[in-house]
Every structure is written in structure tokens, then in C-alpha cells.
Amino acid sequence: MNDNQIIYLNKIGKNVKVLNLKTPSIESVEYAKIKGFNAIHLDAEHGSFNVVSIENLCRLAIGMGLTVTARVQKISNQNINLFLDRGVQGIVGPHVETYSEGLLLAESCRYPPIGNRSWGGGRGTEFNQLDILNNKYGGKLKFSEWANINMIVTAQIESKMAIDNLDEILTIKGIDRIAFGPHDLAASLGHPGNPDHQVVQEAHNEIERKTRESGKKLWSDNMINFFPDIFTL
């Protein structure tokens, strides 16, 4: 496993180039490395990914030094583990509407004592190889601490209920960033198909203001996001 490039580059004041994928395109990951990207993001909520395709994409991306993040289909410890065990180092949880949902998201992504992430035997834990864990990290406990530091947890706010509960959600220490869900939020606020409506934009402004006041970041902060339809592969 590698240091999370999003965290590392942001810390030294640099933006991160992220390639967003909705399909398991190995060629796109190779192209991303050639073109100087730092990370890839898998949209598993709306994309066509399964455990095997995530495994293959992570194998290639991590081997090339790229960080992998993903938006999961649903927030549960078991579902999130399937991504983390492949080597994903950033989870976006969709449709976070309550404090309890946000807490479940945060705790599922990090090891004890600050979370309850399950110890797997895949790439996400260096295949549980003691020689690597001992020599590279200083043991399993030190690896757990390293993994927690190199994890980004993002709660996606996509409804009026989420906005009503945002103050509580923002108190969760394990949530690092907040993302918008503009189209679902527009529908929830009574303006389906119109994410540019003034009411929706005002809601976005409120979410951003509260997020920054809490000391957290927006998902898009210091990231330059690209989608593969701009490439000719």
C-alpha cells in the first residue's frame, strides 16, 4: 500500500488530478498514470463495478502509485469492507441523512480504537503478510494507525433531511469531507431536474458555509476531476 496521494499532495499545497470512472476500464487507469494523474475514483453507486473489477483496478492503480477512492452503493460495514480490502483509501458514503448514518460510515472506514473496520486479508492489509507489516510499518497496530491516517471519509448530503441534520453530522470526527448530491437534493427540495434553482443553490451555500465553519473540507477541495469521455483511448 502507498501513502494517500490526495492527503499528501493537499498537505503540501498541491492540487490532485483525479480520474472518475463509472465502468471498470483498465485502459483508463493506464492512461491516467501516463497523463500524470494522482488518483482514480470509482463511482460504484451508479457505475458497473463488482468485487472482481474493483480488485483488478486497484491492483493496477496501486501498483502504479495511484490512490483509489470510491463512492459505495450503500453504507454498511460489510459493503465498505469489500472496497477497503481491495486497497481503496477513500470512501464517499451516499445519502447520509442522519448522525447515526454518518457515524456508521465513519466507523466502518477506520480501525479501532477510533472505528470498527474489520481486519481483512487482502491488499488493504498487505495480504496479512507479517514480514511486510512488521518491516514496513512496525507491526499490525502501527499499520492500523497508518491506514487510519491515510483514509478519507466523505459524507454526501443529498436531501432536505440531511440539511436539517447537518449540524449533528458535522460533529462526527471521522468524517473528513462533505460532498453535494445536486440532482437528488434538488428533487428533495421540490425542484426535480433543476439543480441550478435558487433554492438549491442557497442550500449548497449553506452546506458549504457550515462545512467550512466546522473545519472540514468539501470533497472537491484541491481536486481537479476529470471524466474519461474527454479522452481518446
Protein backbone atom coordinates (compact mmCIF):
# COMPACT_ATOMS: atom_id res chain seq x y z
CA MET A 1 0.00 0.00 0.00
CA ASN A 2 1.06 3.58 -0.68
CA ASP A 3 0.57 6.86 1.14
CA ASN A 4 -2.73 8.50 0.16
CA GLN A 5 -1.68 10.95 -2.56
CA ILE A 6 -4.74 13.15 -2.05
CA ILE A 7 -3.83 13.73 1.58
CA TYR A 8 -0.11 14.06 0.92
CA LEU A 9 -0.34 16.48 -2.01
CA ASN A 10 -3.04 18.62 -0.39
CA LYS A 11 -0.90 18.88 2.74
CA ILE A 12 1.96 20.42 0.76
CA GLY A 13 -0.40 22.80 -1.03
CA LYS A 14 -0.82 20.98 -4.33
CA ASN A 15 -3.99 20.06 -6.21
CA VAL A 16 -4.77 16.45 -7.07
CA LYS A 17 -5.77 15.21 -10.52
CA VAL A 18 -8.48 12.57 -10.19
CA LEU A 19 -9.91 10.38 -12.95
CA ASN A 20 -13.56 9.47 -12.27
CA LEU A 21 -14.77 6.12 -13.58
CA LYS A 22 -18.25 4.59 -13.90
CA THR A 23 -17.03 1.48 -15.72
CA PRO A 24 -14.07 -0.84 -14.97
CA SER A 25 -11.71 0.41 -17.67
CA ILE A 26 -8.16 -0.88 -17.22
CA GLU A 27 -7.04 1.26 -20.16
CA SER A 28 -8.29 4.41 -18.46
CA VAL A 29 -6.21 3.67 -15.37
CA GLU A 30 -3.11 3.13 -17.52
CA TYR A 31 -3.84 6.36 -19.39
CA ALA A 32 -4.33 8.22 -16.10
CA LYS A 33 -0.84 7.26 -14.99
CA ILE A 34 0.68 8.26 -18.33
CA LYS A 35 -1.06 11.67 -18.18
CA GLY A 36 0.12 12.45 -14.67
CA PHE A 37 -3.00 11.77 -12.62
CA ASN A 38 -2.64 11.13 -8.89
CA ALA A 39 -5.82 9.18 -8.14
CA ILE A 40 -8.82 7.39 -9.60
CA HIS A 41 -12.35 7.48 -8.20
CA LEU A 42 -14.79 4.62 -8.74
CA ASP A 43 -18.49 5.51 -8.75
CA ALA A 44 -19.92 2.20 -7.60
CA GLU A 45 -23.30 3.72 -6.69
CA HIS A 46 -24.14 4.47 -10.31
CA GLY A 47 -21.40 2.53 -12.08
CA SER A 48 -20.97 -1.10 -13.17
CA PHE A 49 -18.41 -2.40 -10.68
CA ASN A 50 -18.24 -5.71 -8.86
CA VAL A 51 -15.67 -7.07 -6.41
CA VAL A 52 -13.57 -8.64 -9.18
CA SER A 53 -13.41 -5.46 -11.27
CA ILE A 54 -12.57 -3.36 -8.20
CA GLU A 55 -9.82 -5.85 -7.35
CA ASN A 56 -8.29 -5.60 -10.82
CA LEU A 57 -8.49 -1.81 -10.97
CA CYS A 58 -6.93 -1.43 -7.53
CA ARG A 59 -4.19 -3.92 -8.37
CA LEU A 60 -3.13 -1.86 -11.38
CA ALA A 61 -3.68 1.60 -9.88
CA ILE A 62 -1.90 0.95 -6.60
CA GLY A 63 0.94 -0.80 -8.40
CA MET A 64 1.37 2.40 -10.42
CA GLY A 65 1.32 4.60 -7.33
CA LEU A 66 -2.21 5.94 -7.82
CA THR A 67 -4.58 6.36 -4.90
CA VAL A 68 -8.04 4.78 -5.28
CA THR A 69 -11.24 6.21 -3.80
CA ALA A 70 -14.82 5.06 -4.32
CA ARG A 71 -18.43 6.01 -3.81
CA VAL A 72 -20.06 2.89 -2.38
CA GLN A 73 -23.52 1.57 -3.23
CA LYS A 74 -24.73 1.73 0.35
CA ILE A 75 -23.38 2.42 3.80
CA SER A 76 -22.76 -0.77 5.73
CA ASN A 77 -19.70 -2.23 7.39
CA GLN A 78 -19.78 -5.29 5.15
CA ASN A 79 -20.15 -3.36 1.90
CA ILE A 80 -17.44 -0.83 2.76
CA ASN A 81 -15.07 -3.65 3.75
CA LEU A 82 -15.27 -5.06 0.22
CA PHE A 83 -13.74 -1.82 -1.05
CA LEU A 84 -11.20 -1.31 1.74
CA ASP A 85 -9.89 -4.87 1.46
CA ARG A 86 -9.12 -4.23 -2.21
CA GLY A 87 -6.96 -1.23 -1.23
CA VAL A 88 -9.38 1.71 -1.56
CA GLN A 89 -8.22 4.64 0.63
CA GLY A 90 -11.18 6.96 0.40
CA ILE A 91 -14.90 6.25 0.78
CA VAL A 92 -17.78 8.50 -0.24
CA GLY A 93 -20.99 7.47 1.52
CA PRO A 94 -24.12 8.42 -0.45
CA HIS A 95 -27.38 9.67 1.04
CA VAL A 96 -26.13 10.41 4.54
CA GLU A 97 -29.17 11.88 6.27
CA THR A 98 -28.69 11.35 10.00
CA TYR A 99 -26.00 11.37 12.66
CA SER A 100 -26.25 7.58 13.04
CA GLU A 101 -25.72 7.03 9.32
CA GLY A 102 -22.73 9.35 9.32
CA LEU A 103 -21.27 7.60 12.36
CA LEU A 104 -21.71 4.18 10.72
CA LEU A 105 -19.89 5.48 7.64
CA ALA A 106 -17.01 6.94 9.64
CA GLU A 107 -16.53 3.97 11.96
CA SER A 108 -16.66 1.44 9.10
CA CYS A 109 -13.69 3.10 7.41
CA ARG A 110 -11.17 3.19 10.25
CA TYR A 111 -9.66 0.62 12.59
CA PRO A 112 -10.11 0.61 16.38
CA PRO A 113 -9.91 2.41 18.65
CA ILE A 114 -11.44 5.20 16.54
CA GLY A 115 -13.55 2.93 14.34
CA ASN A 116 -14.61 -0.67 13.83
CA ARG A 117 -13.15 -1.52 10.44
CA SER A 118 -12.72 -5.27 10.12
CA TRP A 119 -9.24 -6.69 9.55
CA GLY A 120 -9.16 -8.35 6.13
CA GLY A 121 -6.57 -10.42 4.38
CA GLY A 122 -6.42 -8.66 1.05
CA ARG A 123 -4.38 -5.88 -0.47
CA GLY A 124 -5.85 -3.41 2.01
CA THR A 125 -3.89 -5.13 4.78
CA GLU A 126 -0.85 -6.10 2.69
CA PHE A 127 -2.36 -9.61 2.38
CA ASN A 128 -1.75 -10.04 6.11
CA GLN A 129 1.92 -10.76 5.46
CA LEU A 130 3.70 -10.33 8.78
CA ASP A 131 7.09 -9.66 7.21
CA ILE A 132 5.68 -6.68 5.30
CA LEU A 133 3.56 -5.44 8.20
CA ASN A 134 6.50 -5.68 10.61
CA ASN A 135 9.28 -4.37 8.39
CA LYS A 136 7.36 -1.66 6.52
CA TYR A 137 5.05 -0.39 9.26
CA GLY A 138 6.35 -1.75 12.56
CA GLY A 139 3.58 -4.30 13.14
CA LYS A 140 -0.18 -4.62 12.77
CA LEU A 141 -1.01 -1.88 15.27
CA LYS A 142 1.28 0.60 13.52
CA PHE A 143 -0.21 -0.40 10.19
CA SER A 144 -3.70 0.24 11.56
CA GLU A 145 -2.62 3.71 12.67
CA TRP A 146 -1.07 4.37 9.25
CA ALA A 147 -4.21 3.15 7.46
CA ASN A 148 -6.44 5.40 9.60
CA ILE A 149 -4.29 8.44 8.79
CA ASN A 150 -4.36 7.61 5.08
CA MET A 151 -8.15 7.26 4.87
CA ILE A 152 -10.53 9.94 3.59
CA VAL A 153 -14.19 9.65 4.62
CA THR A 154 -16.77 11.75 2.81
CA ALA A 155 -20.47 12.10 3.60
CA GLN A 156 -22.69 13.03 0.67
CA ILE A 157 -25.54 15.42 1.53
CA GLU A 158 -28.44 14.87 -0.86
CA SER A 159 -31.74 15.69 0.85
CA LYS A 160 -33.61 18.19 2.98
CA MET A 161 -33.40 15.78 5.92
CA ALA A 162 -29.62 15.72 5.55
CA ILE A 163 -29.50 19.52 5.64
CA ASP A 164 -31.74 19.56 8.72
CA ASN A 165 -29.31 17.17 10.45
CA LEU A 166 -26.12 18.66 9.03
CA ASP A 167 -25.01 20.32 12.28
CA GLU A 168 -25.00 16.94 14.02
CA ILE A 169 -23.36 15.14 11.09
CA LEU A 170 -20.54 17.69 11.07
CA THR A 171 -19.69 16.88 14.69
CA ILE A 172 -18.54 13.38 13.69
CA LYS A 173 -14.75 13.43 13.94
CA GLY A 174 -14.26 10.56 11.49
CA ILE A 175 -15.89 12.43 8.61
CA ASP A 176 -13.27 14.45 6.76
CA ARG A 177 -15.18 15.89 3.82
CA ILE A 178 -18.69 16.71 2.65
CA ALA A 179 -19.98 16.19 -0.88
CA PHE A 180 -23.06 17.55 -2.63
CA GLY A 181 -25.69 15.50 -4.40
CA PRO A 182 -27.12 18.34 -6.51
CA HIS A 183 -29.79 16.49 -8.50
CA ASP A 184 -31.16 14.42 -5.62
CA LEU A 185 -31.04 17.48 -3.39
CA ALA A 186 -32.98 19.48 -5.98
CA ALA A 187 -35.67 16.80 -6.09
CA SER A 188 -35.86 16.66 -2.31
CA LEU A 189 -36.28 20.45 -2.15
CA GLY A 190 -39.15 20.36 -4.66
CA HIS A 191 -37.23 21.27 -7.81
CA PRO A 192 -36.56 17.99 -9.65
CA GLY A 193 -34.32 18.32 -12.68
CA ASN A 194 -33.27 21.84 -11.71
CA PRO A 195 -30.12 21.75 -9.56
CA ASP A 196 -29.41 25.36 -10.59
CA HIS A 197 -32.60 26.65 -8.96
CA GLN A 198 -32.00 29.46 -6.49
CA VAL A 199 -33.37 27.42 -3.59
CA VAL A 200 -30.94 24.58 -4.36
CA GLN A 201 -28.02 26.94 -4.76
CA GLU A 202 -28.85 28.58 -1.44
CA ALA A 203 -28.87 25.12 0.14
CA HIS A 204 -25.46 24.41 -1.38
CA ASN A 205 -24.15 27.67 0.02
CA GLU A 206 -25.46 26.77 3.47
CA ILE A 207 -23.85 23.32 3.31
CA GLU A 208 -20.54 24.82 2.24
CA ARG A 209 -20.62 27.52 4.91
CA LYS A 210 -21.35 25.08 7.72
CA THR A 211 -18.80 22.58 6.43
CA ARG A 212 -16.01 25.15 6.42
CA GLU A 213 -17.03 26.55 9.81
CA SER A 214 -16.72 23.02 11.21
CA GLY A 215 -13.15 22.74 9.94
CA LYS A 216 -13.96 20.07 7.38
CA LYS A 217 -13.42 20.22 3.62
CA LEU A 218 -15.66 19.77 0.63
CA TRP A 219 -14.98 16.68 -1.47
CA SER A 220 -13.93 18.87 -4.40
CA ASP A 221 -11.42 20.98 -2.45
CA ASN A 222 -7.97 20.89 -4.05
CA MET A 223 -9.11 18.27 -6.57
CA ILE A 224 -9.25 18.56 -10.33
CA ASN A 225 -11.76 15.97 -11.50
CA PHE A 226 -11.79 14.51 -14.99
CA PHE A 227 -14.12 12.03 -16.68
CA PRO A 228 -12.95 9.52 -19.32
CA ASP A 229 -15.25 10.85 -22.05
CA ILE A 230 -12.72 13.66 -22.56
CA PHE A 231 -10.07 11.14 -23.55
CA THR A 232 -9.42 9.30 -26.74
CA LEU A 233 -8.09 5.95 -25.65
